Amino acid sequence: MEIYQIRTFVTVAEHGNLTKAALLLHVTQPAVSGHLKSLEVTLNLKLFERSATGVKLTKAGHALLPKAQAILAAAGEFRNLAQELQGQLTGKARVGTILDPSFIRLGQFMSSVLDRYPWLEIELQHGISTWAIEHVSDGSLDAAFCMGHVNIPHVQAVNLTEMAYRVVAPPAWKDRIEHADWADIAVLPWIRTPKMSPHLQMVNEMFAHHKLEPFKVVEAAEEQTIKSLITAGVGLGLMREDLAFVAQSAGEVCVWRKARPTTSLSFIYLRERDSDPVITAMENVVRKIWLEGGAQSRAESA
């Protein structure tokens, strides 16, 4: 059955007259009769008794009328919602996250997205920066937060802030590093990170400036793993400055104060999607959270 047949049935039932129903429905009287006949054939039920003065519902018609009215009401709600959605941003975005949620202001990001774009669905996936860049580059992620220099031509990076790091060592090494110079630090065992990682970029830049090469003892990718290895006495590594001093106060690490490397926190996506409404919406939210009231500059990837 069709919605127009149900609408005709309800209109005729409510007014008891084919001619009046035809006027209200903006169709001819034969069309109204045709709609009712087709509906009765489909249902295999007689819906109206016809007389010289009009029509009246049969018992079957009376039983079906409330259901038919409910169908029309639901169709109206469906149409109204569709009209409300016109101009609303809809879709789904896969967003990569790194570090701890509070540092990248993930709660603010999600709250703002849901408030401003309630029909936009966000799927969060967590990893490290090299993973985020790789998956944005190949389209597995629509956007992501990441650290470090993004040197991929087809990936756009919006620079959000600069992050400071500190060289930290196991707490038992405090006397060894307190007065150590760069040459002393280079020969100590270092926990290194994978190729292209922002940690490795910072370490390489630090030691290249002094024409030194640090001694690598083990490789680890995640910051929590690096902290655990440092605390356990395996070697030195980099830790975000705010976390480093908290860990030092807790007696978990000691900080070597002669270095303070920095790296960038960025929001990245494919350049070809620069005009994509979903990407634009998320970028607007990120800029508002991180850059409102300051310079809003876009970091260009070479």
Protein backbone atom coordinates (compact mmCIF):
# COMPACT_ATOMS: atom_id res chain seq x y z
CA MET A 1 0.00 0.00 0.00
CA GLU A 2 1.06 3.60 -0.54
CA ILE A 3 1.02 6.56 1.83
CA TYR A 4 -1.31 8.48 -0.53
CA GLN A 5 -3.88 5.66 -0.24
CA ILE A 6 -3.78 5.86 3.55
CA ARG A 7 -4.09 9.66 3.41
CA THR A 8 -7.14 9.35 1.16
CA PHE A 9 -8.68 6.75 3.46
CA VAL A 10 -8.25 8.98 6.53
CA THR A 11 -9.53 12.11 4.76
CA VAL A 12 -12.67 10.37 3.48
CA ALA A 13 -13.27 8.75 6.87
CA GLU A 14 -12.97 12.06 8.71
CA HIS A 15 -15.27 13.98 6.32
CA GLY A 16 -17.64 11.23 5.07
CA ASN A 17 -17.75 12.66 1.56
CA LEU A 18 -15.75 11.82 -1.56
CA THR A 19 -16.21 15.23 -3.16
CA LYS A 20 -14.99 17.13 -0.09
CA ALA A 21 -12.08 14.74 0.29
CA ALA A 22 -11.12 15.32 -3.35
CA LEU A 23 -11.05 19.09 -2.77
CA LEU A 24 -8.92 18.75 0.36
CA LEU A 25 -6.50 16.38 -1.34
CA HIS A 26 -6.34 18.44 -4.56
CA VAL A 27 -7.27 15.47 -6.74
CA THR A 28 -10.36 14.47 -8.69
CA GLN A 29 -13.27 12.49 -7.21
CA PRO A 30 -12.57 9.50 -9.52
CA ALA A 31 -8.96 9.53 -8.19
CA VAL A 32 -10.27 9.35 -4.62
CA SER A 33 -12.52 6.44 -5.53
CA GLY A 34 -9.59 4.74 -7.24
CA HIS A 35 -7.36 5.14 -4.18
CA LEU A 36 -9.97 3.61 -1.90
CA LYS A 37 -10.70 0.73 -4.26
CA SER A 38 -6.98 -0.08 -4.59
CA LEU A 39 -6.57 -0.01 -0.81
CA GLU A 40 -9.56 -2.29 -0.27
CA VAL A 41 -8.18 -4.73 -2.84
CA THR A 42 -4.75 -4.69 -1.18
CA LEU A 43 -6.23 -5.28 2.28
CA ASN A 44 -8.97 -7.59 1.05
CA LEU A 45 -11.36 -5.64 3.28
CA LYS A 46 -14.38 -3.42 2.66
CA LEU A 47 -13.66 -0.06 4.34
CA PHE A 48 -16.74 2.05 3.50
CA GLU A 49 -20.45 1.68 3.01
CA ARG A 50 -21.66 3.96 0.25
CA SER A 51 -25.01 5.78 0.22
CA ALA A 52 -26.71 8.60 -1.64
CA THR A 53 -25.58 11.12 0.99
CA GLY A 54 -21.97 10.00 1.27
CA VAL A 55 -19.94 7.21 2.83
CA LYS A 56 -19.47 5.77 6.30
CA LEU A 57 -16.91 3.42 7.74
CA THR A 58 -17.50 -0.28 8.05
CA LYS A 59 -16.48 -2.07 11.27
CA ALA A 60 -13.18 -2.94 9.60
CA GLY A 61 -12.74 0.70 8.57
CA HIS A 62 -13.38 1.87 12.15
CA ALA A 63 -10.79 -0.59 13.46
CA LEU A 64 -8.14 0.54 10.98
CA LEU A 65 -8.69 4.30 11.20
CA PRO A 66 -6.61 4.95 14.37
CA LYS A 67 -3.69 3.00 12.89
CA ALA A 68 -3.95 4.90 9.63
CA GLN A 69 -4.00 8.22 11.50
CA ALA A 70 -0.91 7.14 13.46
CA ILE A 71 0.87 6.29 10.19
CA LEU A 72 0.13 9.75 8.81
CA ALA A 73 1.32 11.38 12.05
CA ALA A 74 4.57 9.41 11.93
CA ALA A 75 5.06 10.37 8.29
CA GLY A 76 4.58 14.02 9.25
CA GLU A 77 7.16 13.74 12.03
CA PHE A 78 9.54 12.08 9.59
CA ARG A 79 9.08 14.92 7.09
CA ASN A 80 9.51 17.58 9.80
CA LEU A 81 12.73 16.03 11.05
CA ALA A 82 14.07 15.86 7.50
CA GLN A 83 13.33 19.55 7.09
CA GLU A 84 15.11 20.32 10.37
CA LEU A 85 18.15 18.42 9.14
CA GLN A 86 18.38 20.55 6.01
CA GLY A 87 21.47 22.66 6.50
CA GLN A 88 22.66 20.52 9.43
CA LEU A 89 26.05 18.85 9.12
CA THR A 90 25.77 15.06 9.07
CA GLY A 91 28.32 12.32 8.56
CA LYS A 92 30.99 10.32 10.37
CA ALA A 93 34.61 11.16 11.07
CA ARG A 94 37.42 8.92 12.31
CA VAL A 95 39.76 10.97 14.49
CA GLY A 96 43.13 9.83 15.81
CA THR A 97 44.19 10.81 19.32
CA ILE A 98 47.56 10.74 21.08
CA LEU A 99 48.97 11.35 24.55
CA ASP A 100 46.53 11.75 27.43
CA PRO A 101 43.03 13.08 26.66
CA SER A 102 43.31 16.05 29.03
CA PHE A 103 46.47 17.39 27.40
CA ILE A 104 45.04 17.44 23.87
CA ARG A 105 41.76 18.82 25.31
CA LEU A 106 39.81 15.90 23.92
CA GLY A 107 36.86 16.44 26.26
CA GLN A 108 36.48 20.05 25.10
CA PHE A 109 36.79 18.96 21.49
CA MET A 110 34.09 16.30 21.73
CA SER A 111 31.76 18.49 23.80
CA SER A 112 32.05 21.36 21.30
CA VAL A 113 31.55 19.08 18.28
CA LEU A 114 28.42 17.50 19.78
CA ASP A 115 27.07 20.91 20.77
CA ARG A 116 27.66 22.65 17.44
CA TYR A 117 27.19 19.66 15.09
CA PRO A 118 24.81 17.23 16.86
CA TRP A 119 24.37 15.02 13.78
CA LEU A 120 28.10 14.54 13.22
CA GLU A 121 29.33 11.17 14.51
CA ILE A 122 32.94 10.98 15.76
CA GLU A 123 34.84 7.69 16.08
CA LEU A 124 38.00 8.03 18.19
CA GLN A 125 41.07 5.84 17.70
CA HIS A 126 44.18 6.10 19.88
CA GLY A 127 47.82 5.64 18.94
CA ILE A 128 51.16 7.41 18.61
CA SER A 129 52.10 10.29 16.31
CA THR A 130 53.79 8.22 13.59
CA TRP A 131 50.69 6.02 13.45
CA ALA A 132 48.42 9.08 13.25
CA ILE A 133 50.37 10.64 10.38
CA GLU A 134 50.48 7.34 8.48
CA HIS A 135 46.75 6.71 8.82
CA VAL A 136 45.73 10.24 7.89
CA SER A 137 48.05 10.01 4.90
CA ASP A 138 46.47 6.78 3.62
CA GLY A 139 42.90 7.84 4.43
CA SER A 140 42.34 5.39 7.29
CA LEU A 141 41.73 8.39 9.55
CA ASP A 142 39.90 11.55 8.53
CA ALA A 143 41.92 13.70 10.93
CA ALA A 144 44.20 13.34 13.92
CA PHE A 145 46.19 15.07 16.60
CA CYS A 146 49.94 14.51 16.28
CA MET A 147 53.31 15.72 17.53
CA GLY A 148 56.40 16.70 15.58
CA HIS A 149 57.21 18.03 12.15
CA VAL A 150 54.80 16.86 9.44
CA ASN A 151 56.80 16.70 6.23
CA ILE A 152 54.29 15.03 3.92
CA PRO A 153 53.18 17.29 1.03
CA HIS A 154 49.59 16.05 0.89
CA VAL A 155 48.99 16.33 4.65
CA GLN A 156 47.90 19.67 6.10
CA ALA A 157 48.87 20.51 9.70
CA VAL A 158 47.24 23.15 11.89
CA ASN A 159 49.80 24.08 14.54
CA LEU A 160 48.09 24.20 17.95
CA THR A 161 50.89 24.72 20.47
CA GLU A 162 54.55 24.11 21.25
CA MET A 163 55.31 21.36 23.76
CA ALA A 164 58.40 21.38 26.00
CA TYR A 165 60.19 18.18 27.01
CA ARG A 166 62.90 17.34 29.52
CA VAL A 167 65.69 14.77 29.65
CA VAL A 168 64.94 12.48 32.58
CA ALA A 169 66.87 9.64 34.18
CA PRO A 170 66.24 6.96 36.80
CA PRO A 171 66.13 8.47 40.31
CA ALA A 172 69.22 6.46 41.35
CA TRP A 173 71.23 8.32 38.67
CA LYS A 174 70.76 11.75 40.24
CA ASP A 175 74.42 12.13 41.23
CA ARG A 176 75.59 10.90 37.80
CA ILE A 177 73.62 13.49 35.82
CA GLU A 178 73.47 16.48 38.18
CA HIS A 179 76.74 17.96 36.88
CA ALA A 180 76.98 15.96 33.64
CA ASP A 181 77.78 17.71 30.36
CA TRP A 182 76.55 16.72 26.90
CA ALA A 183 79.37 14.23 26.35
CA ASP A 184 78.59 12.54 29.67
CA ILE A 185 74.88 12.33 28.84
CA ALA A 186 75.56 10.93 25.35
CA VAL A 187 77.44 7.87 26.62
CA LEU A 188 74.73 6.89 29.09
CA PRO A 189 72.13 4.34 27.92
CA TRP A 190 69.21 6.00 26.12
CA ILE A 191 65.70 4.75 25.51
CA ARG A 192 65.08 5.65 21.89
CA THR A 193 61.86 5.88 19.92
CA PRO A 194 61.01 4.62 16.39
CA LYS A 195 62.22 6.30 13.22
CA MET A 196 60.35 9.51 12.33
CA SER A 197 58.88 9.84 15.83
CA PRO A 198 58.84 13.35 17.37
CA HIS A 199 60.89 12.06 20.33
CA LEU A 200 63.64 10.88 17.99
CA GLN A 201 63.50 14.17 16.09
CA MET A 202 64.08 16.09 19.33
CA VAL A 203 66.89 13.78 20.50
CA ASN A 204 68.66 13.92 17.14
CA GLU A 205 68.41 17.72 16.99
CA MET A 206 69.77 18.07 20.54
CA PHE A 207 72.82 15.90 19.98
CA ALA A 208 73.49 17.04 16.41
CA HIS A 209 73.97 20.56 17.76
CA HIS A 210 76.80 19.20 19.95
CA LYS A 211 78.10 16.80 17.26
CA LEU A 212 77.35 13.80 19.46
CA GLU A 213 75.50 10.51 19.04
CA PRO A 214 73.58 9.12 22.06
CA PHE A 215 74.05 5.49 23.04
CA LYS A 216 70.87 3.51 22.42
CA VAL A 217 70.05 0.67 24.78
CA VAL A 218 66.41 -0.11 23.95
CA GLU A 219 63.62 1.18 21.70
CA ALA A 220 60.09 2.00 22.86
CA ALA A 221 57.21 3.84 21.20
CA GLU A 222 54.69 4.94 23.83
CA GLU A 223 55.41 7.62 26.43
CA GLN A 224 54.00 5.53 29.30
CA THR A 225 56.34 2.68 28.35
CA ILE A 226 59.29 5.07 28.18
CA LYS A 227 58.46 6.40 31.65
CA SER A 228 58.23 2.86 33.05
CA LEU A 229 61.63 1.95 31.60
CA ILE A 230 63.24 5.11 32.99
CA THR A 231 61.73 4.55 36.43
CA ALA A 232 62.98 0.96 36.35
CA GLY A 233 66.56 2.14 35.78
CA VAL A 234 66.95 1.09 32.14
CA GLY A 235 68.12 4.43 30.78
CA LEU A 236 67.43 8.08 29.97
CA GLY A 237 64.65 9.43 27.81
CA LEU A 238 62.42 12.39 27.11
CA MET A 239 59.32 13.22 29.13
CA ARG A 240 56.82 16.03 28.70
CA GLU A 241 57.92 18.90 30.96
CA ASP A 242 54.76 19.07 33.09
CA LEU A 243 54.90 15.32 33.70
CA ALA A 244 58.66 15.27 34.27
CA PHE A 245 58.58 17.62 37.25
CA VAL A 246 55.58 15.83 38.74
CA ALA A 247 57.42 12.51 38.39
CA GLN A 248 60.56 14.05 39.91
CA SER A 249 58.57 15.33 42.90
CA ALA A 250 57.22 11.80 43.36
CA GLY A 251 60.75 10.40 43.33
CA GLU A 252 60.17 8.44 40.11
CA VAL A 253 62.78 10.22 37.95
CA CYS A 254 65.40 12.95 38.09
CA VAL A 255 65.58 15.79 35.58
CA TRP A 256 68.73 16.89 33.73
CA ARG A 257 68.22 20.63 33.48
CA LYS A 258 70.63 21.52 30.66
CA ALA A 259 68.18 20.68 27.86
CA ARG A 260 64.62 21.68 27.08
CA PRO A 261 63.72 20.47 23.56
CA THR A 262 60.36 21.42 22.06
CA THR A 263 58.03 20.00 19.45
CA SER A 264 54.67 20.95 17.94
CA LEU A 265 51.20 19.63 18.65
CA SER A 266 49.13 19.76 15.46
CA PHE A 267 45.75 18.78 14.03
CA ILE A 268 46.23 17.11 10.65
CA TYR A 269 44.14 16.03 7.64
CA LEU A 270 44.57 15.50 3.90
CA ARG A 271 45.08 18.75 1.95
CA GLU A 272 42.64 17.57 -0.73
CA ARG A 273 39.88 17.63 1.91
CA ASP A 274 40.48 21.25 2.86
CA SER A 275 36.95 22.21 1.72
CA ASP A 276 35.23 19.11 3.10
CA PRO A 277 32.42 20.31 5.45
CA VAL A 278 33.22 17.66 8.06
CA ILE A 279 36.92 18.57 8.10
CA THR A 280 36.10 22.28 8.18
CA ALA A 281 33.73 21.77 11.11
CA MET A 282 36.32 19.87 13.16
CA GLU A 283 39.08 22.35 12.32
CA ASN A 284 36.83 25.23 13.40
CA VAL A 285 36.28 23.55 16.75
CA VAL A 286 39.99 22.82 17.24
CA ARG A 287 40.95 26.39 16.36
CA LYS A 288 38.36 27.79 18.75
CA ILE A 289 39.65 25.61 21.60
CA TRP A 290 43.39 26.14 21.03
CA LEU A 291 43.81 29.37 19.13
CA GLU A 292 40.94 31.66 20.09
CA GLY A 293 42.32 34.97 21.26
CA GLY A 294 45.73 34.31 19.71
CA ALA A 295 47.30 34.15 16.30
CA GLN A 296 45.54 31.58 14.19
CA SER A 297 48.22 30.45 11.79
CA ARG A 298 48.28 27.29 9.78
CA ALA A 299 51.52 25.31 9.79
CA GLU A 300 52.44 24.54 6.22
CA SER A 301 53.80 21.06 5.50
CA ALA A 302 56.67 21.17 3.03
